[in-house]
Amino acid sequence: MINWFNIAVWSLVGTWVLVVGTLILMYWQTRQNQELNSANAVMNLRERFDSARMRAARRHLADRLLRQAHQDIASVEVVTFFELVGTLTHRKILDDDLVWEAFGTWVESYYWALRNPMDLIGQTRANLSDPLVFHEFEWLHRRILELNEEHIGEHVTTSTDPGEDARRILSREVALESI
């Protein structure tokens, strides 16, 4: 004799197992697609960062920051670029570990140079009466420092002067050639 109740129960259990398995698979595929999209976006941003136009903007800004010729800074393209990267990272569109790998050194160096010895970011905020100017770049800088601690340890430093590394990186930026 066929026990229809047992067949119905096992059909129900099988259906739920199939539904849960499908949801898990869909979640895994979605996560894989997000990671792939983030990686592609970071690679595209890195190409933009290394474009001839951006290299010229980086060279200009680095030169002015090293010479402390703050009044001669005509372009904010580099800072705006990092503001965009910060926004996309903060909104979890970009993976922060990938951003740390691709841009961490530059974020630290430019941020330090824009804040020392003269706080150009603070000055810009005051001049525009807008406390949110470059706030995502500031957030990105804090996140890069957190990732430094996570990945290489808080006691790892390459110099005793925190500005020494920034000046070294900016000196290399001044020597950039157009592609």
C-alpha atoms as a PDB file:
ATOM      1  CA  MET A   1       0.000   0.000   0.000  1.00  0.00           C
ATOM      2  CA  ILE A   2       1.305   3.482  -0.914  1.00  0.00           C
ATOM      3  CA  ASN A   3       1.631   5.894   1.989  1.00  0.00           C
ATOM      4  CA  TRP A   4       0.711   9.185   0.349  1.00  0.00           C
ATOM      5  CA  PHE A   5       1.438  11.124   3.494  1.00  0.00           C
ATOM      6  CA  ASN A   6       5.117   9.989   3.544  1.00  0.00           C
ATOM      7  CA  ILE A   7       5.431  10.785  -0.152  1.00  0.00           C
ATOM      8  CA  ALA A   8       4.003  14.256   0.435  1.00  0.00           C
ATOM      9  CA  VAL A   9       6.348  14.888   3.400  1.00  0.00           C
ATOM     10  CA  TRP A  10       9.414  13.735   1.477  1.00  0.00           C
ATOM     11  CA  SER A  11       8.369  15.788  -1.537  1.00  0.00           C
ATOM     12  CA  LEU A  12       8.031  18.834   0.708  1.00  0.00           C
ATOM     13  CA  VAL A  13      11.433  18.226   2.343  1.00  0.00           C
ATOM     14  CA  GLY A  14      13.043  17.668  -1.056  1.00  0.00           C
ATOM     15  CA  THR A  15      11.522  20.854  -2.401  1.00  0.00           C
ATOM     16  CA  TRP A  16      12.824  22.886   0.546  1.00  0.00           C
ATOM     17  CA  VAL A  17      16.295  21.370   0.214  1.00  0.00           C
ATOM     18  CA  LEU A  18      16.247  22.320  -3.462  1.00  0.00           C
ATOM     19  CA  VAL A  19      15.064  25.869  -2.665  1.00  0.00           C
ATOM     20  CA  VAL A  20      17.690  26.410   0.058  1.00  0.00           C
ATOM     21  CA  GLY A  21      20.422  24.936  -2.152  1.00  0.00           C
ATOM     22  CA  THR A  22      19.388  27.208  -5.017  1.00  0.00           C
ATOM     23  CA  LEU A  23      19.432  30.267  -2.743  1.00  0.00           C
ATOM     24  CA  ILE A  24      22.894  29.383  -1.445  1.00  0.00           C
ATOM     25  CA  LEU A  25      24.161  28.907  -5.004  1.00  0.00           C
ATOM     26  CA  MET A  26      22.613  32.219  -6.101  1.00  0.00           C
ATOM     27  CA  TYR A  27      24.203  34.011  -3.129  1.00  0.00           C
ATOM     28  CA  TRP A  28      27.607  32.500  -3.953  1.00  0.00           C
ATOM     29  CA  GLN A  29      27.287  33.497  -7.622  1.00  0.00           C
ATOM     30  CA  THR A  30      26.238  37.021  -6.659  1.00  0.00           C
ATOM     31  CA  ARG A  31      29.253  37.379  -4.354  1.00  0.00           C
ATOM     32  CA  GLN A  32      31.561  36.096  -7.111  1.00  0.00           C
ATOM     33  CA  ASN A  33      30.095  38.601  -9.586  1.00  0.00           C
ATOM     34  CA  GLN A  34      30.484  41.454  -7.078  1.00  0.00           C
ATOM     35  CA  GLU A  35      34.130  40.548  -6.506  1.00  0.00           C
ATOM     36  CA  LEU A  36      34.801  40.293 -10.236  1.00  0.00           C
ATOM     37  CA  ASN A  37      33.065  43.626 -10.908  1.00  0.00           C
ATOM     38  CA  SER A  38      35.037  45.261  -8.110  1.00  0.00           C
ATOM     39  CA  ALA A  39      38.303  43.888  -9.482  1.00  0.00           C
ATOM     40  CA  ASN A  40      37.448  45.123 -12.984  1.00  0.00           C
ATOM     41  CA  ALA A  41      36.507  48.548 -11.650  1.00  0.00           C
ATOM     42  CA  VAL A  42      39.764  48.831  -9.680  1.00  0.00           C
ATOM     43  CA  MET A  43      41.750  47.826 -12.769  1.00  0.00           C
ATOM     44  CA  ASN A  44      39.913  50.453 -14.832  1.00  0.00           C
ATOM     45  CA  LEU A  45      40.554  53.083 -12.164  1.00  0.00           C
ATOM     46  CA  ARG A  46      44.211  52.075 -12.084  1.00  0.00           C
ATOM     47  CA  GLU A  47      44.400  52.540 -15.869  1.00  0.00           C
ATOM     48  CA  ARG A  48      42.833  55.977 -15.466  1.00  0.00           C
ATOM     49  CA  PHE A  49      45.293  56.774 -12.663  1.00  0.00           C
ATOM     50  CA  ASP A  50      48.177  55.863 -14.985  1.00  0.00           C
ATOM     51  CA  SER A  51      46.803  57.742 -18.026  1.00  0.00           C
ATOM     52  CA  ALA A  52      48.859  60.547 -19.538  1.00  0.00           C
ATOM     53  CA  ARG A  53      46.417  63.207 -18.333  1.00  0.00           C
ATOM     54  CA  MET A  54      46.397  61.915 -14.748  1.00  0.00           C
ATOM     55  CA  ARG A  55      50.166  61.465 -14.705  1.00  0.00           C
ATOM     56  CA  ALA A  56      50.489  65.136 -15.677  1.00  0.00           C
ATOM     57  CA  ALA A  57      48.050  66.126 -12.918  1.00  0.00           C
ATOM     58  CA  ARG A  58      49.935  63.982 -10.388  1.00  0.00           C
ATOM     59  CA  ARG A  59      53.253  65.473 -11.482  1.00  0.00           C
ATOM     60  CA  HIS A  60      51.854  69.025 -11.171  1.00  0.00           C
ATOM     61  CA  LEU A  61      50.327  68.477  -7.731  1.00  0.00           C
ATOM     62  CA  ALA A  62      53.324  66.606  -6.339  1.00  0.00           C
ATOM     63  CA  ASP A  63      55.695  69.327  -7.555  1.00  0.00           C
ATOM     64  CA  ARG A  64      53.621  72.094  -5.953  1.00  0.00           C
ATOM     65  CA  LEU A  65      53.244  70.190  -2.689  1.00  0.00           C
ATOM     66  CA  LEU A  66      56.969  69.451  -2.421  1.00  0.00           C
ATOM     67  CA  ARG A  67      57.891  73.071  -3.163  1.00  0.00           C
ATOM     68  CA  GLN A  68      55.108  74.244  -0.819  1.00  0.00           C
ATOM     69  CA  ALA A  69      53.813  76.391  -3.666  1.00  0.00           C
ATOM     70  CA  HIS A  70      50.253  75.991  -2.450  1.00  0.00           C
ATOM     71  CA  GLN A  71      48.944  79.048  -4.255  1.00  0.00           C
ATOM     72  CA  ASP A  72      50.074  77.527  -7.578  1.00  0.00           C
ATOM     73  CA  ILE A  73      47.940  74.393  -7.256  1.00  0.00           C
ATOM     74  CA  ALA A  74      45.606  74.800 -10.195  1.00  0.00           C
ATOM     75  CA  SER A  75      44.163  71.287 -10.450  1.00  0.00           C
ATOM     76  CA  VAL A  76      42.337  69.167  -7.915  1.00  0.00           C
ATOM     77  CA  GLU A  77      42.026  66.240 -10.325  1.00  0.00           C
ATOM     78  CA  VAL A  78      44.151  63.909  -8.190  1.00  0.00           C
ATOM     79  CA  VAL A  79      42.230  64.689  -5.010  1.00  0.00           C
ATOM     80  CA  THR A  80      38.919  64.380  -6.856  1.00  0.00           C
ATOM     81  CA  PHE A  81      40.048  60.986  -8.157  1.00  0.00           C
ATOM     82  CA  PHE A  82      40.719  59.802  -4.611  1.00  0.00           C
ATOM     83  CA  GLU A  83      37.387  61.281  -3.512  1.00  0.00           C
ATOM     84  CA  LEU A  84      35.691  59.083  -6.140  1.00  0.00           C
ATOM     85  CA  VAL A  85      37.663  55.996  -5.080  1.00  0.00           C
ATOM     86  CA  GLY A  86      36.761  56.748  -1.456  1.00  0.00           C
ATOM     87  CA  THR A  87      33.075  57.101  -2.281  1.00  0.00           C
ATOM     88  CA  LEU A  88      32.978  53.833  -4.230  1.00  0.00           C
ATOM     89  CA  THR A  89      34.895  52.022  -1.502  1.00  0.00           C
ATOM     90  CA  HIS A  90      32.797  53.480   1.312  1.00  0.00           C
ATOM     91  CA  ARG A  91      29.621  52.326  -0.459  1.00  0.00           C
ATOM     92  CA  LYS A  92      31.115  48.820  -0.792  1.00  0.00           C
ATOM     93  CA  ILE A  93      31.144  48.998  -4.586  1.00  0.00           C
ATOM     94  CA  LEU A  94      34.911  48.506  -4.541  1.00  0.00           C
ATOM     95  CA  ASP A  95      36.639  45.940  -2.367  1.00  0.00           C
ATOM     96  CA  ASP A  96      38.731  47.859   0.141  1.00  0.00           C
ATOM     97  CA  ASP A  97      41.580  45.312   0.072  1.00  0.00           C
ATOM     98  CA  LEU A  98      41.887  45.749  -3.702  1.00  0.00           C
ATOM     99  CA  VAL A  99      41.848  49.537  -3.302  1.00  0.00           C
ATOM    100  CA  TRP A 100      44.497  49.259  -0.569  1.00  0.00           C
ATOM    101  CA  GLU A 101      46.707  47.197  -2.896  1.00  0.00           C
ATOM    102  CA  ALA A 102      46.181  49.466  -5.912  1.00  0.00           C
ATOM    103  CA  PHE A 103      46.242  52.948  -4.337  1.00  0.00           C
ATOM    104  CA  GLY A 104      47.224  52.756  -0.661  1.00  0.00           C
ATOM    105  CA  THR A 105      50.683  54.290  -0.993  1.00  0.00           C
ATOM    106  CA  TRP A 106      49.423  57.224  -3.045  1.00  0.00           C
ATOM    107  CA  VAL A 107      46.429  57.861  -0.770  1.00  0.00           C
ATOM    108  CA  GLU A 108      48.718  58.061   2.261  1.00  0.00           C
ATOM    109  CA  SER A 109      51.300  60.246   0.543  1.00  0.00           C
ATOM    110  CA  TYR A 110      48.971  62.777  -1.050  1.00  0.00           C
ATOM    111  CA  TYR A 111      46.773  62.981   2.031  1.00  0.00           C
ATOM    112  CA  TRP A 112      49.770  63.636   4.279  1.00  0.00           C
ATOM    113  CA  ALA A 113      51.147  66.264   1.896  1.00  0.00           C
ATOM    114  CA  LEU A 114      47.765  68.003   1.628  1.00  0.00           C
ATOM    115  CA  ARG A 115      47.549  68.185   5.423  1.00  0.00           C
ATOM    116  CA  ASN A 116      51.192  69.034   6.251  1.00  0.00           C
ATOM    117  CA  PRO A 117      52.763  71.497   6.849  1.00  0.00           C
ATOM    118  CA  MET A 118      49.702  73.452   5.741  1.00  0.00           C
ATOM    119  CA  ASP A 119      46.204  71.949   5.932  1.00  0.00           C
ATOM    120  CA  LEU A 120      45.036  72.566   2.372  1.00  0.00           C
ATOM    121  CA  ILE A 121      41.986  70.335   2.755  1.00  0.00           C
ATOM    122  CA  GLY A 122      40.876  72.219   5.867  1.00  0.00           C
ATOM    123  CA  GLN A 123      41.585  75.527   4.165  1.00  0.00           C
ATOM    124  CA  THR A 124      39.499  74.515   1.137  1.00  0.00           C
ATOM    125  CA  ARG A 125      36.648  73.490   3.415  1.00  0.00           C
ATOM    126  CA  ALA A 126      36.809  76.830   5.207  1.00  0.00           C
ATOM    127  CA  ASN A 127      37.010  78.830   1.961  1.00  0.00           C
ATOM    128  CA  LEU A 128      33.988  77.021   0.518  1.00  0.00           C
ATOM    129  CA  SER A 129      32.117  76.880   3.844  1.00  0.00           C
ATOM    130  CA  ASP A 130      31.577  73.187   3.166  1.00  0.00           C
ATOM    131  CA  PRO A 131      32.769  70.681   5.785  1.00  0.00           C
ATOM    132  CA  LEU A 132      32.140  67.803   3.377  1.00  0.00           C
ATOM    133  CA  VAL A 133      34.740  68.814   0.797  1.00  0.00           C
ATOM    134  CA  PHE A 134      36.968  65.767   0.244  1.00  0.00           C
ATOM    135  CA  HIS A 135      35.396  63.909   3.163  1.00  0.00           C
ATOM    136  CA  GLU A 136      35.416  60.607   1.259  1.00  0.00           C
ATOM    137  CA  PHE A 137      39.139  61.039   0.539  1.00  0.00           C
ATOM    138  CA  GLU A 138      39.590  61.568   4.272  1.00  0.00           C
ATOM    139  CA  TRP A 139      37.527  58.442   4.986  1.00  0.00           C
ATOM    140  CA  LEU A 140      39.618  56.489   2.457  1.00  0.00           C
ATOM    141  CA  HIS A 141      42.818  57.620   4.148  1.00  0.00           C
ATOM    142  CA  ARG A 142      41.562  56.387   7.541  1.00  0.00           C
ATOM    143  CA  ARG A 143      40.516  53.070   5.959  1.00  0.00           C
ATOM    144  CA  ILE A 144      43.935  52.652   4.316  1.00  0.00           C
ATOM    145  CA  LEU A 145      45.594  53.163   7.717  1.00  0.00           C
ATOM    146  CA  GLU A 146      43.289  50.526   9.238  1.00  0.00           C
ATOM    147  CA  LEU A 147      44.152  48.103   6.443  1.00  0.00           C
ATOM    148  CA  ASN A 148      47.859  48.798   6.984  1.00  0.00           C
ATOM    149  CA  GLU A 149      47.447  47.680  10.585  1.00  0.00           C
ATOM    150  CA  GLU A 150      45.474  44.594   9.544  1.00  0.00           C
ATOM    151  CA  HIS A 151      47.869  43.511   6.810  1.00  0.00           C
ATOM    152  CA  ILE A 152      51.319  44.606   7.919  1.00  0.00           C
ATOM    153  CA  GLY A 153      50.935  45.456  11.592  1.00  0.00           C
ATOM    154  CA  GLU A 154      50.696  48.752  13.386  1.00  0.00           C
ATOM    155  CA  HIS A 155      54.366  48.843  14.342  1.00  0.00           C
ATOM    156  CA  VAL A 156      55.709  48.494  10.819  1.00  0.00           C
ATOM    157  CA  THR A 157      57.100  51.767   9.537  1.00  0.00           C
ATOM    158  CA  THR A 158      59.669  52.510   6.891  1.00  0.00           C
ATOM    159  CA  SER A 159      60.892  55.747   8.429  1.00  0.00           C
ATOM    160  CA  THR A 160      60.886  57.647  11.685  1.00  0.00           C
ATOM    161  CA  ASP A 161      59.434  60.777  10.090  1.00  0.00           C
ATOM    162  CA  PRO A 162      55.862  60.196   8.883  1.00  0.00           C
ATOM    163  CA  GLY A 163      56.365  62.742   6.095  1.00  0.00           C
ATOM    164  CA  GLU A 164      59.558  61.156   4.799  1.00  0.00           C
ATOM    165  CA  ASP A 165      57.696  58.415   2.919  1.00  0.00           C
ATOM    166  CA  ALA A 166      55.232  60.942   1.500  1.00  0.00           C
ATOM    167  CA  ARG A 167      58.064  63.165   0.264  1.00  0.00           C
ATOM    168  CA  ARG A 168      59.820  60.158  -1.288  1.00  0.00           C
ATOM    169  CA  ILE A 169      56.645  59.085  -3.140  1.00  0.00           C
ATOM    170  CA  LEU A 170      55.887  62.651  -4.238  1.00  0.00           C
ATOM    171  CA  SER A 171      59.466  63.021  -5.515  1.00  0.00           C
ATOM    172  CA  ARG A 172      58.873  59.966  -7.687  1.00  0.00           C
ATOM    173  CA  GLU A 173      55.585  61.490  -8.853  1.00  0.00           C
ATOM    174  CA  VAL A 174      57.386  64.673  -9.964  1.00  0.00           C
ATOM    175  CA  ALA A 175      59.639  62.513 -12.138  1.00  0.00           C
ATOM    176  CA  LEU A 176      56.695  60.811 -13.886  1.00  0.00           C
ATOM    177  CA  GLU A 177      56.799  60.841 -17.646  1.00  0.00           C
ATOM    178  CA  SER A 178      53.768  60.972 -19.861  1.00  0.00           C
ATOM    179  CA  ILE A 179      52.924  57.691 -21.470  1.00  0.00           C
END
